[in-house]
Amino acid sequence: PTYAISIVLTAQLGTALLWDSLGWLGLEKIPFTFTKLIGVL
C-alpha cells in the first residue's frame, strides 16, 4: 500500500502539472516553472 500510493500520488501530481501547464480540457493555463518540476522530482 505505501509504495503504491506514493507512486500514484506522484503520478497524479506530475499529470496535474502537465495538464495545468498546457491548459488542456478547459483548465486555466498555469505557467510551467522549473521549481514546480523540481518539486515533483
Full PDB file with SEQRES, HELIX, SHEET, SSBOND, CRYST1, ORIGX, SCALE, CONECT and MASTER records, all heavy atoms in Angstrom:
SEQRES   1 A   41  PRO THR TYR ALA ILE SER ILE VAL LEU THR ALA GLN LEU          
SEQRES   2 A   41  GLY THR ALA LEU LEU TRP ASP SER LEU GLY TRP LEU GLY          
SEQRES   3 A   41  LEU GLU LYS ILE PRO PHE THR PHE THR LYS LEU ILE GLY          
SEQRES   4 A   41  VAL LEU                                                      
HELIX    1 AA1 THR A    2  LEU A   22  1                                  21    
HELIX    2 AA2 TRP A   24  GLY A   26  5                                   3    
HELIX    3 AA3 PHE A   34  VAL A   40  1                                   7    
CRYST1    1.000    1.000    1.000  90.00  90.00  90.00 P 1           1          
ORIGX1      1.000000  0.000000  0.000000        0.00000                         
ORIGX2      0.000000  1.000000  0.000000        0.00000                         
ORIGX3      0.000000  0.000000  1.000000        0.00000                         
SCALE1      1.000000  0.000000  0.000000        0.00000                         
SCALE2      0.000000  1.000000  0.000000        0.00000                         
SCALE3      0.000000  0.000000  1.000000        0.00000                         
ATOM      1  N   PRO A   1       0.783  -1.234   0.000  1.00  0.00           N  
ATOM      2  CA  PRO A   1       0.000   0.000   0.000  1.00  0.00           C  
ATOM      3  C   PRO A   1       0.821   1.294   0.000  1.00  0.00           C  
ATOM      4  O   PRO A   1       0.545   2.196  -0.784  1.00  0.00           O  
ATOM      5  CB  PRO A   1      -0.836  -0.085   1.274  1.00  0.00           C  
ATOM      6  CG  PRO A   1      -0.664  -1.426   1.830  1.00  0.00           C  
ATOM      7  CD  PRO A   1       0.479  -2.085   1.133  1.00  0.00           C  
ATOM      8  N   THR A   2       1.822   1.395   0.846  1.00  0.00           N  
ATOM      9  CA  THR A   2       2.542   2.664   0.973  1.00  0.00           C  
ATOM     10  C   THR A   2       3.292   3.010  -0.302  1.00  0.00           C  
ATOM     11  O   THR A   2       3.214   4.140  -0.796  1.00  0.00           O  
ATOM     12  CB  THR A   2       3.512   2.618   2.164  1.00  0.00           C  
ATOM     13  OG1 THR A   2       2.783   2.251   3.337  1.00  0.00           O  
ATOM     14  CG2 THR A   2       4.175   3.953   2.385  1.00  0.00           C  
ATOM     15  N   TYR A   3       3.998   2.048  -0.841  1.00  0.00           N  
ATOM     16  CA  TYR A   3       4.777   2.289  -2.056  1.00  0.00           C  
ATOM     17  C   TYR A   3       3.846   2.579  -3.242  1.00  0.00           C  
ATOM     18  O   TYR A   3       4.066   3.526  -3.998  1.00  0.00           O  
ATOM     19  CB  TYR A   3       5.668   1.078  -2.320  1.00  0.00           C  
ATOM     20  CG  TYR A   3       6.723   1.266  -3.382  1.00  0.00           C  
ATOM     21  CD1 TYR A   3       7.461   2.428  -3.480  1.00  0.00           C  
ATOM     22  CD2 TYR A   3       6.994   0.254  -4.286  1.00  0.00           C  
ATOM     23  CE1 TYR A   3       8.438   2.585  -4.446  1.00  0.00           C  
ATOM     24  CE2 TYR A   3       7.968   0.399  -5.260  1.00  0.00           C  
ATOM     25  CZ  TYR A   3       8.676   1.570  -5.331  1.00  0.00           C  
ATOM     26  OH  TYR A   3       9.633   1.729  -6.303  1.00  0.00           O  
ATOM     27  N   ALA A   4       2.777   1.807  -3.383  1.00  0.00           N  
ATOM     28  CA  ALA A   4       1.849   2.008  -4.495  1.00  0.00           C  
ATOM     29  C   ALA A   4       1.178   3.378  -4.410  1.00  0.00           C  
ATOM     30  O   ALA A   4       1.107   4.102  -5.404  1.00  0.00           O  
ATOM     31  CB  ALA A   4       0.798   0.899  -4.510  1.00  0.00           C  
ATOM     32  N   ILE A   5       0.710   3.743  -3.227  1.00  0.00           N  
ATOM     33  CA  ILE A   5       0.021   5.033  -3.085  1.00  0.00           C  
ATOM     34  C   ILE A   5       0.987   6.184  -3.326  1.00  0.00           C  
ATOM     35  O   ILE A   5       0.628   7.184  -3.958  1.00  0.00           O  
ATOM     36  CB  ILE A   5      -0.653   5.146  -1.704  1.00  0.00           C  
ATOM     37  CG1 ILE A   5      -1.855   4.206  -1.637  1.00  0.00           C  
ATOM     38  CG2 ILE A   5      -1.103   6.581  -1.427  1.00  0.00           C  
ATOM     39  CD1 ILE A   5      -2.468   4.073  -0.272  1.00  0.00           C  
ATOM     40  N   SER A   6       2.225   6.064  -2.861  1.00  0.00           N  
ATOM     41  CA  SER A   6       3.178   7.148  -3.087  1.00  0.00           C  
ATOM     42  C   SER A   6       3.451   7.332  -4.579  1.00  0.00           C  
ATOM     43  O   SER A   6       3.566   8.461  -5.054  1.00  0.00           O  
ATOM     44  CB  SER A   6       4.473   6.916  -2.306  1.00  0.00           C  
ATOM     45  OG  SER A   6       5.110   5.732  -2.699  1.00  0.00           O  
ATOM     46  N   ILE A   7       3.519   6.248  -5.312  1.00  0.00           N  
ATOM     47  CA  ILE A   7       3.711   6.344  -6.763  1.00  0.00           C  
ATOM     48  C   ILE A   7       2.470   6.943  -7.425  1.00  0.00           C  
ATOM     49  O   ILE A   7       2.574   7.814  -8.298  1.00  0.00           O  
ATOM     50  CB  ILE A   7       4.063   4.970  -7.363  1.00  0.00           C  
ATOM     51  CG1 ILE A   7       5.451   4.538  -6.888  1.00  0.00           C  
ATOM     52  CG2 ILE A   7       3.998   5.003  -8.891  1.00  0.00           C  
ATOM     53  CD1 ILE A   7       5.803   3.111  -7.238  1.00  0.00           C  
ATOM     54  N   VAL A   8       1.297   6.501  -6.993  1.00  0.00           N  
ATOM     55  CA  VAL A   8       0.047   7.036  -7.557  1.00  0.00           C  
ATOM     56  C   VAL A   8      -0.041   8.543  -7.323  1.00  0.00           C  
ATOM     57  O   VAL A   8      -0.359   9.307  -8.245  1.00  0.00           O  
ATOM     58  CB  VAL A   8      -1.182   6.318  -6.945  1.00  0.00           C  
ATOM     59  CG1 VAL A   8      -2.467   7.061  -7.252  1.00  0.00           C  
ATOM     60  CG2 VAL A   8      -1.266   4.884  -7.438  1.00  0.00           C  
ATOM     61  N   LEU A   9       0.251   8.979  -6.113  1.00  0.00           N  
ATOM     62  CA  LEU A   9       0.142  10.410  -5.810  1.00  0.00           C  
ATOM     63  C   LEU A   9       1.170  11.230  -6.581  1.00  0.00           C  
ATOM     64  O   LEU A   9       0.884  12.341  -7.026  1.00  0.00           O  
ATOM     65  CB  LEU A   9       0.266  10.636  -4.310  1.00  0.00           C  
ATOM     66  CG  LEU A   9      -0.880  10.056  -3.477  1.00  0.00           C  
ATOM     67  CD1 LEU A   9      -0.640  10.285  -1.993  1.00  0.00           C  
ATOM     68  CD2 LEU A   9      -2.214  10.627  -3.900  1.00  0.00           C  
ATOM     69  N   THR A  10       2.359  10.670  -6.773  1.00  0.00           N  
ATOM     70  CA  THR A  10       3.373  11.368  -7.556  1.00  0.00           C  
ATOM     71  C   THR A  10       2.957  11.454  -9.023  1.00  0.00           C  
ATOM     72  O   THR A  10       3.103  12.502  -9.657  1.00  0.00           O  
ATOM     73  CB  THR A  10       4.737  10.666  -7.424  1.00  0.00           C  
ATOM     74  OG1 THR A  10       5.072  10.599  -6.042  1.00  0.00           O  
ATOM     75  CG2 THR A  10       5.814  11.413  -8.176  1.00  0.00           C  
ATOM     76  N   ALA A  11       2.428  10.358  -9.545  1.00  0.00           N  
ATOM     77  CA  ALA A  11       1.939  10.379 -10.932  1.00  0.00           C  
ATOM     78  C   ALA A  11       0.780  11.360 -11.075  1.00  0.00           C  
ATOM     79  O   ALA A  11       0.679  12.072 -12.083  1.00  0.00           O  
ATOM     80  CB  ALA A  11       1.502   8.971 -11.345  1.00  0.00           C  
ATOM     81  N   GLN A  12      -0.059  11.419 -10.060  1.00  0.00           N  
ATOM     82  CA  GLN A  12      -1.181  12.352 -10.073  1.00  0.00           C  
ATOM     83  C   GLN A  12      -0.672  13.794 -10.090  1.00  0.00           C  
ATOM     84  O   GLN A  12      -1.154  14.620 -10.865  1.00  0.00           O  
ATOM     85  CB  GLN A  12      -2.039  12.095  -8.836  1.00  0.00           C  
ATOM     86  CG  GLN A  12      -3.345  12.818  -8.812  1.00  0.00           C  
ATOM     87  CD  GLN A  12      -4.187  12.401  -7.603  1.00  0.00           C  
ATOM     88  OE1 GLN A  12      -3.763  11.611  -6.760  1.00  0.00           O  
ATOM     89  NE2 GLN A  12      -5.371  12.944  -7.523  1.00  0.00           N  
ATOM     90  N   LEU A  13       0.315  14.083  -9.266  1.00  0.00           N  
ATOM     91  CA  LEU A  13       0.884  15.427  -9.216  1.00  0.00           C  
ATOM     92  C   LEU A  13       1.567  15.783 -10.533  1.00  0.00           C  
ATOM     93  O   LEU A  13       1.378  16.881 -11.069  1.00  0.00           O  
ATOM     94  CB  LEU A  13       1.872  15.527  -8.060  1.00  0.00           C  
ATOM     95  CG  LEU A  13       2.530  16.883  -7.844  1.00  0.00           C  
ATOM     96  CD1 LEU A  13       1.494  17.950  -7.537  1.00  0.00           C  
ATOM     97  CD2 LEU A  13       3.547  16.793  -6.725  1.00  0.00           C  
ATOM     98  N   GLY A  14       2.353  14.866 -11.074  1.00  0.00           N  
ATOM     99  CA  GLY A  14       3.031  15.118 -12.342  1.00  0.00           C  
ATOM    100  C   GLY A  14       2.054  15.325 -13.491  1.00  0.00           C  
ATOM    101  O   GLY A  14       2.226  16.228 -14.321  1.00  0.00           O  
ATOM    102  N   THR A  15       1.006  14.509 -13.520  1.00  0.00           N  
ATOM    103  CA  THR A  15      -0.002  14.645 -14.573  1.00  0.00           C  
ATOM    104  C   THR A  15      -0.768  15.963 -14.425  1.00  0.00           C  
ATOM    105  O   THR A  15      -1.031  16.650 -15.410  1.00  0.00           O  
ATOM    106  CB  THR A  15      -0.975  13.447 -14.535  1.00  0.00           C  
ATOM    107  OG1 THR A  15      -0.220  12.246 -14.676  1.00  0.00           O  
ATOM    108  CG2 THR A  15      -2.001  13.529 -15.641  1.00  0.00           C  
ATOM    109  N   ALA A  16      -1.101  16.324 -13.185  1.00  0.00           N  
ATOM    110  CA  ALA A  16      -1.792  17.597 -12.951  1.00  0.00           C  
ATOM    111  C   ALA A  16      -0.923  18.772 -13.395  1.00  0.00           C  
ATOM    112  O   ALA A  16      -1.424  19.730 -14.005  1.00  0.00           O  
ATOM    113  CB  ALA A  16      -2.159  17.725 -11.475  1.00  0.00           C  
ATOM    114  N   LEU A  17       0.372  18.688 -13.118  1.00  0.00           N  
ATOM    115  CA  LEU A  17       1.302  19.739 -13.542  1.00  0.00           C  
ATOM    116  C   LEU A  17       1.299  19.860 -15.069  1.00  0.00           C  
ATOM    117  O   LEU A  17       1.230  20.964 -15.612  1.00  0.00           O  
ATOM    118  CB  LEU A  17       2.708  19.440 -13.032  1.00  0.00           C  
ATOM    119  CG  LEU A  17       3.819  20.389 -13.483  1.00  0.00           C  
ATOM    120  CD1 LEU A  17       3.551  21.812 -13.000  1.00  0.00           C  
ATOM    121  CD2 LEU A  17       5.176  19.895 -12.982  1.00  0.00           C  
ATOM    122  N   LEU A  18       1.332  18.730 -15.748  1.00  0.00           N  
ATOM    123  CA  LEU A  18       1.317  18.744 -17.214  1.00  0.00           C  
ATOM    124  C   LEU A  18       0.024  19.350 -17.748  1.00  0.00           C  
ATOM    125  O   LEU A  18       0.049  20.251 -18.591  1.00  0.00           O  
ATOM    126  CB  LEU A  18       1.488  17.308 -17.752  1.00  0.00           C  
ATOM    127  CG  LEU A  18       1.375  17.139 -19.263  1.00  0.00           C  
ATOM    128  CD1 LEU A  18       2.563  17.791 -19.962  1.00  0.00           C  
ATOM    129  CD2 LEU A  18       1.278  15.677 -19.624  1.00  0.00           C  
ATOM    130  N   TRP A  19      -1.121  18.868 -17.237  1.00  0.00           N  
ATOM    131  CA  TRP A  19      -2.414  19.354 -17.742  1.00  0.00           C  
ATOM    132  C   TRP A  19      -2.627  20.827 -17.408  1.00  0.00           C  
ATOM    133  O   TRP A  19      -3.135  21.586 -18.237  1.00  0.00           O  
ATOM    134  CB  TRP A  19      -3.553  18.500 -17.198  1.00  0.00           C  
ATOM    135  CG  TRP A  19      -3.586  17.155 -17.848  1.00  0.00           C  
ATOM    136  CD1 TRP A  19      -2.756  16.100 -17.595  1.00  0.00           C  
ATOM    137  CD2 TRP A  19      -4.454  16.730 -18.892  1.00  0.00           C  
ATOM    138  NE1 TRP A  19      -3.075  15.045 -18.419  1.00  0.00           N  
ATOM    139  CE2 TRP A  19      -4.117  15.411 -19.221  1.00  0.00           C  
ATOM    140  CE3 TRP A  19      -5.502  17.336 -19.575  1.00  0.00           C  
ATOM    141  CZ2 TRP A  19      -4.771  14.686 -20.197  1.00  0.00           C  
ATOM    142  CZ3 TRP A  19      -6.165  16.608 -20.548  1.00  0.00           C  
ATOM    143  CH2 TRP A  19      -5.789  15.298 -20.854  1.00  0.00           C  
ATOM    144  N   ASP A  20      -2.238  21.240 -16.204  1.00  0.00           N  
ATOM    145  CA  ASP A  20      -2.359  22.662 -15.844  1.00  0.00           C  
ATOM    146  C   ASP A  20      -1.472  23.524 -16.729  1.00  0.00           C  
ATOM    147  O   ASP A  20      -1.891  24.588 -17.194  1.00  0.00           O  
ATOM    148  CB  ASP A  20      -1.954  22.891 -14.380  1.00  0.00           C  
ATOM    149  CG  ASP A  20      -3.054  22.562 -13.399  1.00  0.00           C  
ATOM    150  OD1 ASP A  20      -4.217  22.403 -13.821  1.00  0.00           O  
ATOM    151  OD2 ASP A  20      -2.748  22.463 -12.191  1.00  0.00           O  
ATOM    152  N   SER A  21      -0.249  23.073 -16.957  1.00  0.00           N  
ATOM    153  CA  SER A  21       0.697  23.858 -17.750  1.00  0.00           C  
ATOM    154  C   SER A  21       0.250  24.001 -19.201  1.00  0.00           C  
ATOM    155  O   SER A  21       0.521  25.024 -19.835  1.00  0.00           O  
ATOM    156  CB  SER A  21       2.087  23.219 -17.709  1.00  0.00           C  
ATOM    157  OG  SER A  21       2.577  23.209 -16.394  1.00  0.00           O  
ATOM    158  N   LEU A  22      -0.422  22.981 -19.720  1.00  0.00           N  
ATOM    159  CA  LEU A  22      -0.872  23.027 -21.107  1.00  0.00           C  
ATOM    160  C   LEU A  22      -2.286  23.594 -21.242  1.00  0.00           C  
ATOM    161  O   LEU A  22      -2.707  23.929 -22.340  1.00  0.00           O  
ATOM    162  CB  LEU A  22      -0.799  21.626 -21.720  1.00  0.00           C  
ATOM    163  CG  LEU A  22       0.616  21.034 -21.798  1.00  0.00           C  
ATOM    164  CD1 LEU A  22       0.581  19.584 -22.256  1.00  0.00           C  
ATOM    165  CD2 LEU A  22       1.505  21.870 -22.708  1.00  0.00           C  
ATOM    166  N   GLY A  23      -3.003  23.667 -20.137  1.00  0.00           N  
ATOM    167  CA  GLY A  23      -4.360  24.203 -20.180  1.00  0.00           C  
ATOM    168  C   GLY A  23      -5.334  23.324 -20.942  1.00  0.00           C  
ATOM    169  O   GLY A  23      -6.278  23.815 -21.548  1.00  0.00           O  
ATOM    170  N   TRP A  24      -5.125  22.023 -20.914  1.00  0.00           N  
ATOM    171  CA  TRP A  24      -5.979  21.104 -21.663  1.00  0.00           C  
ATOM    172  C   TRP A  24      -7.335  20.894 -20.990  1.00  0.00           C  
ATOM    173  O   TRP A  24      -7.493  21.081 -19.796  1.00  0.00           O  
ATOM    174  CB  TRP A  24      -5.295  19.753 -21.818  1.00  0.00           C  
ATOM    175  CG  TRP A  24      -4.157  19.754 -22.809  1.00  0.00           C  
ATOM    176  CD1 TRP A  24      -3.830  20.740 -23.697  1.00  0.00           C  
ATOM    177  CD2 TRP A  24      -3.194  18.723 -22.991  1.00  0.00           C  
ATOM    178  NE1 TRP A  24      -2.722  20.378 -24.418  1.00  0.00           N  
ATOM    179  CE2 TRP A  24      -2.316  19.151 -24.009  1.00  0.00           C  
ATOM    180  CE3 TRP A  24      -2.986  17.499 -22.403  1.00  0.00           C  
ATOM    181  CZ2 TRP A  24      -1.254  18.375 -24.449  1.00  0.00           C  
ATOM    182  CZ3 TRP A  24      -1.917  16.729 -22.833  1.00  0.00           C  
ATOM    183  CH2 TRP A  24      -1.075  17.170 -23.850  1.00  0.00           C  
ATOM    184  N   LEU A  25      -8.303  20.484 -21.784  1.00  0.00           N  
ATOM    185  CA  LEU A  25      -9.661  20.175 -21.346  1.00  0.00           C  
ATOM    186  C   LEU A  25     -10.313  21.320 -20.583  1.00  0.00           C  
ATOM    187  O   LEU A  25     -11.059  21.129 -19.631  1.00  0.00           O  
ATOM    188  CB  LEU A  25      -9.697  18.895 -20.503  1.00  0.00           C  
ATOM    189  CG  LEU A  25      -9.343  17.612 -21.254  1.00  0.00           C  
ATOM    190  CD1 LEU A  25      -9.335  16.421 -20.303  1.00  0.00           C  
ATOM    191  CD2 LEU A  25     -10.312  17.364 -22.402  1.00  0.00           C  
ATOM    192  N   GLY A  26     -10.043  22.535 -21.020  1.00  0.00           N  
ATOM    193  CA  GLY A  26     -10.703  23.695 -20.438  1.00  0.00           C  
ATOM    194  C   GLY A  26     -10.123  24.179 -19.127  1.00  0.00           C  
ATOM    195  O   GLY A  26     -10.697  25.051 -18.480  1.00  0.00           O  
ATOM    196  N   LEU A  27      -8.982  23.628 -18.701  1.00  0.00           N  
ATOM    197  CA  LEU A  27      -8.350  24.109 -17.478  1.00  0.00           C  
ATOM    198  C   LEU A  27      -7.698  25.459 -17.723  1.00  0.00           C  
ATOM    199  O   LEU A  27      -7.235  25.752 -18.823  1.00  0.00           O  
ATOM    200  CB  LEU A  27      -7.275  23.124 -17.003  1.00  0.00           C  
ATOM    201  CG  LEU A  27      -7.740  21.757 -16.542  1.00  0.00           C  
ATOM    202  CD1 LEU A  27      -6.552  20.870 -16.225  1.00  0.00           C  
ATOM    203  CD2 LEU A  27      -8.643  21.892 -15.330  1.00  0.00           C  
ATOM    204  N   GLU A  28      -7.679  26.279 -16.684  1.00  0.00           N  
ATOM    205  CA  GLU A  28      -6.968  27.541 -16.780  1.00  0.00           C  
ATOM    206  C   GLU A  28      -5.480  27.231 -16.893  1.00  0.00           C  
ATOM    207  O   GLU A  28      -4.934  26.464 -16.095  1.00  0.00           O  
ATOM    208  CB  GLU A  28      -7.233  28.379 -15.521  1.00  0.00           C  
ATOM    209  CG  GLU A  28      -6.531  29.700 -15.530  1.00  0.00           C  
ATOM    210  CD  GLU A  28      -6.768  30.477 -14.240  1.00  0.00           C  
ATOM    211  OE1 GLU A  28      -7.797  30.249 -13.584  1.00  0.00           O  
ATOM    212  OE2 GLU A  28      -5.890  31.290 -13.902  1.00  0.00           O  
ATOM    213  N   LYS A  29      -4.843  27.802 -17.894  1.00  0.00           N  
ATOM    214  CA  LYS A  29      -3.425  27.518 -18.121  1.00  0.00           C  
ATOM    215  C   LYS A  29      -2.578  28.200 -17.046  1.00  0.00           C  
ATOM    216  O   LYS A  29      -2.676  29.391 -16.826  1.00  0.00           O  
ATOM    217  CB  LYS A  29      -3.011  28.007 -19.512  1.00  0.00           C  
ATOM    218  CG  LYS A  29      -1.668  27.536 -19.951  1.00  0.00           C  
ATOM    219  CD  LYS A  29      -1.398  27.899 -21.412  1.00  0.00           C  
ATOM    220  CE  LYS A  29      -0.068  27.334 -21.837  1.00  0.00           C  
ATOM    221  NZ  LYS A  29       0.181  27.565 -23.252  1.00  0.00           N  
ATOM    222  N   ILE A  30      -1.783  27.377 -16.366  1.00  0.00           N  
ATOM    223  CA  ILE A  30      -0.898  27.869 -15.314  1.00  0.00           C  
ATOM    224  C   ILE A  30       0.522  27.702 -15.822  1.00  0.00           C  
ATOM    225  O   ILE A  30       0.909  26.617 -16.246  1.00  0.00           O  
ATOM    226  CB  ILE A  30      -1.108  27.078 -14.005  1.00  0.00           C  
ATOM    227  CG1 ILE A  30      -2.538  27.285 -13.518  1.00  0.00           C  
ATOM    228  CG2 ILE A  30      -0.095  27.487 -12.955  1.00  0.00           C  
ATOM    229  CD1 ILE A  30      -2.914  26.433 -12.342  1.00  0.00           C  
ATOM    230  N   PRO A  31       1.301  28.771 -15.804  1.00  0.00           N  
ATOM    231  CA  PRO A  31       2.647  28.690 -16.374  1.00  0.00           C  
ATOM    232  C   PRO A  31       3.504  27.614 -15.698  1.00  0.00           C  
ATOM    233  O   PRO A  31       3.509  27.478 -14.482  1.00  0.00           O  
ATOM    234  CB  PRO A  31       3.247  30.078 -16.114  1.00  0.00           C  
ATOM    235  CG  PRO A  31       2.102  30.960 -15.782  1.00  0.00           C  
ATOM    236  CD  PRO A  31       1.010  30.098 -15.264  1.00  0.00           C  
ATOM    237  N   PHE A  32       4.206  26.862 -16.528  1.00  0.00           N  
ATOM    238  CA  PHE A  32       5.140  25.847 -16.038  1.00  0.00           C  
ATOM    239  C   PHE A  32       6.398  26.538 -15.553  1.00  0.00           C  
ATOM    240  O   PHE A  32       6.910  27.443 -16.188  1.00  0.00           O  
ATOM    241  CB  PHE A  32       5.481  24.866 -17.170  1.00  0.00           C  
ATOM    242  CG  PHE A  32       6.547  23.879 -16.795  1.00  0.00           C  
ATOM    243  CD1 PHE A  32       6.213  22.736 -16.094  1.00  0.00           C  
ATOM    244  CD2 PHE A  32       7.879  24.100 -17.117  1.00  0.00           C  
ATOM    245  CE1 PHE A  32       7.192  21.819 -15.740  1.00  0.00           C  
ATOM    246  CE2 PHE A  32       8.854  23.196 -16.768  1.00  0.00           C  
ATOM    247  CZ  PHE A  32       8.506  22.047 -16.073  1.00  0.00           C  
ATOM    248  N   THR A  33       6.879  26.114 -14.393  1.00  0.00           N  
ATOM    249  CA  THR A  33       8.164  26.629 -13.893  1.00  0.00           C  
ATOM    250  C   THR A  33       9.034  25.446 -13.492  1.00  0.00           C  
ATOM    251  O   THR A  33       8.524  24.368 -13.178  1.00  0.00           O  
ATOM    252  CB  THR A  33       7.969  27.549 -12.663  1.00  0.00           C  
ATOM    253  OG1 THR A  33       7.422  26.778 -11.590  1.00  0.00           O  
ATOM    254  CG2 THR A  33       7.054  28.725 -12.979  1.00  0.00           C  
ATOM    255  N   PHE A  34      10.327  25.663 -13.513  1.00  0.00           N  
ATOM    256  CA  PHE A  34      11.243  24.598 -13.118  1.00  0.00           C  
ATOM    257  C   PHE A  34      11.142  24.297 -11.628  1.00  0.00           C  
ATOM    258  O   PHE A  34      11.436  23.191 -11.199  1.00  0.00           O  
ATOM    259  CB  PHE A  34      12.670  24.917 -13.548  1.00  0.00           C  
ATOM    260  CG  PHE A  34      12.877  24.678 -15.018  1.00  0.00           C  
ATOM    261  CD1 PHE A  34      12.926  25.735 -15.903  1.00  0.00           C  
ATOM    262  CD2 PHE A  34      12.982  23.381 -15.514  1.00  0.00           C  
ATOM    263  CE1 PHE A  34      13.081  25.503 -17.257  1.00  0.00           C  
ATOM    264  CE2 PHE A  34      13.139  23.146 -16.863  1.00  0.00           C  
ATOM    265  CZ  PHE A  34      13.188  24.211 -17.742  1.00  0.00           C  
ATOM    266  N   THR A  35      10.720  25.284 -10.828  1.00  0.00           N  
ATOM    267  CA  THR A  35      10.552  24.997  -9.398  1.00  0.00           C  
ATOM    268  C   THR A  35       9.435  23.975  -9.183  1.00  0.00           C  
ATOM    269  O   THR A  35       9.536  23.135  -8.282  1.00  0.00           O  
ATOM    270  CB  THR A  35      10.256  26.279  -8.603  1.00  0.00           C  
ATOM    271  OG1 THR A  35       9.108  26.929  -9.146  1.00  0.00           O  
ATOM    272  CG2 THR A  35      11.440  27.228  -8.615  1.00  0.00           C  
ATOM    273  N   LYS A  36       8.395  24.019 -10.006  1.00  0.00           N  
ATOM    274  CA  LYS A  36       7.335  23.010  -9.915  1.00  0.00           C  
ATOM    275  C   LYS A  36       7.877  21.636 -10.309  1.00  0.00           C  
ATOM    276  O   LYS A  36       7.573  20.631  -9.665  1.00  0.00           O  
ATOM    277  CB  LYS A  36       6.145  23.401 -10.795  1.00  0.00           C  
ATOM    278  CG  LYS A  36       5.415  24.624 -10.279  1.00  0.00           C  
ATOM    279  CD  LYS A  36       4.302  25.027 -11.214  1.00  0.00           C  
ATOM    280  CE  LYS A  36       3.650  26.306 -10.710  1.00  0.00           C  
ATOM    281  NZ  LYS A  36       2.666  26.841 -11.628  1.00  0.00           N  
ATOM    282  N   LEU A  37       8.666  21.596 -11.366  1.00  0.00           N  
ATOM    283  CA  LEU A  37       9.278  20.336 -11.787  1.00  0.00           C  
ATOM    284  C   LEU A  37      10.210  19.810 -10.703  1.00  0.00           C  
ATOM    285  O   LEU A  37      10.198  18.611 -10.397  1.00  0.00           O  
ATOM    286  CB  LEU A  37      10.040  20.522 -13.101  1.00  0.00           C  
ATOM    287  CG  LEU A  37      10.778  19.288 -13.619  1.00  0.00           C  
ATOM    288  CD1 LEU A  37       9.801  18.150 -13.894  1.00  0.00           C  
ATOM    289  CD2 LEU A  37      11.581  19.638 -14.866  1.00  0.00           C  
ATOM    290  N   ILE A  38      10.996  20.680 -10.114  1.00  0.00           N  
ATOM    291  CA  ILE A  38      11.902  20.260  -9.037  1.00  0.00           C  
ATOM    292  C   ILE A  38      11.087  19.694  -7.868  1.00  0.00           C  
ATOM    293  O   ILE A  38      11.472  18.699  -7.261  1.00  0.00           O  
ATOM    294  CB  ILE A  38      12.810  21.434  -8.589  1.00  0.00           C  
ATOM    295  CG1 ILE A  38      13.824  21.739  -9.701  1.00  0.00           C  
ATOM    296  CG2 ILE A  38      13.516  21.120  -7.275  1.00  0.00           C  
ATOM    297  CD1 ILE A  38      14.612  23.015  -9.492  1.00  0.00           C  
ATOM    298  N   GLY A  39       9.952  20.291  -7.563  1.00  0.00           N  
ATOM    299  CA  GLY A  39       9.091  19.774  -6.502  1.00  0.00           C  
ATOM    300  C   GLY A  39       8.660  18.347  -6.762  1.00  0.00           C  
ATOM    301  O   GLY A  39       8.713  17.490  -5.870  1.00  0.00           O  
ATOM    302  N   VAL A  40       8.251  18.068  -7.995  1.00  0.00           N  
ATOM    303  CA  VAL A  40       7.861  16.701  -8.358  1.00  0.00           C  
ATOM    304  C   VAL A  40       9.061  15.770  -8.275  1.00  0.00           C  
ATOM    305  O   VAL A  40       8.960  14.648  -7.758  1.00  0.00           O  
ATOM    306  CB  VAL A  40       7.221  16.660  -9.772  1.00  0.00           C  
ATOM    307  CG1 VAL A  40       6.973  15.234 -10.217  1.00  0.00           C  
ATOM    308  CG2 VAL A  40       5.917  17.461  -9.800  1.00  0.00           C  
ATOM    309  N   LEU A  41      10.222  16.211  -8.741  1.00  0.00           N  
ATOM    310  CA  LEU A  41      11.426  15.379  -8.695  1.00  0.00           C  
ATOM    311  C   LEU A  41      11.869  15.099  -7.253  1.00  0.00           C  
ATOM    312  O   LEU A  41      12.347  14.001  -6.950  1.00  0.00           O  
ATOM    313  CB  LEU A  41      12.557  16.025  -9.490  1.00  0.00           C  
ATOM    314  CG  LEU A  41      12.320  16.130 -11.000  1.00  0.00           C  
ATOM    315  CD1 LEU A  41      13.454  16.903 -11.675  1.00  0.00           C  
ATOM    316  CD2 LEU A  41      12.133  14.763 -11.626  1.00  0.00           C  
TER     317      LEU A  41                                                      
MASTER        0    0    0    3    0    0    0    6  316    1    0    4          
END                                                                             
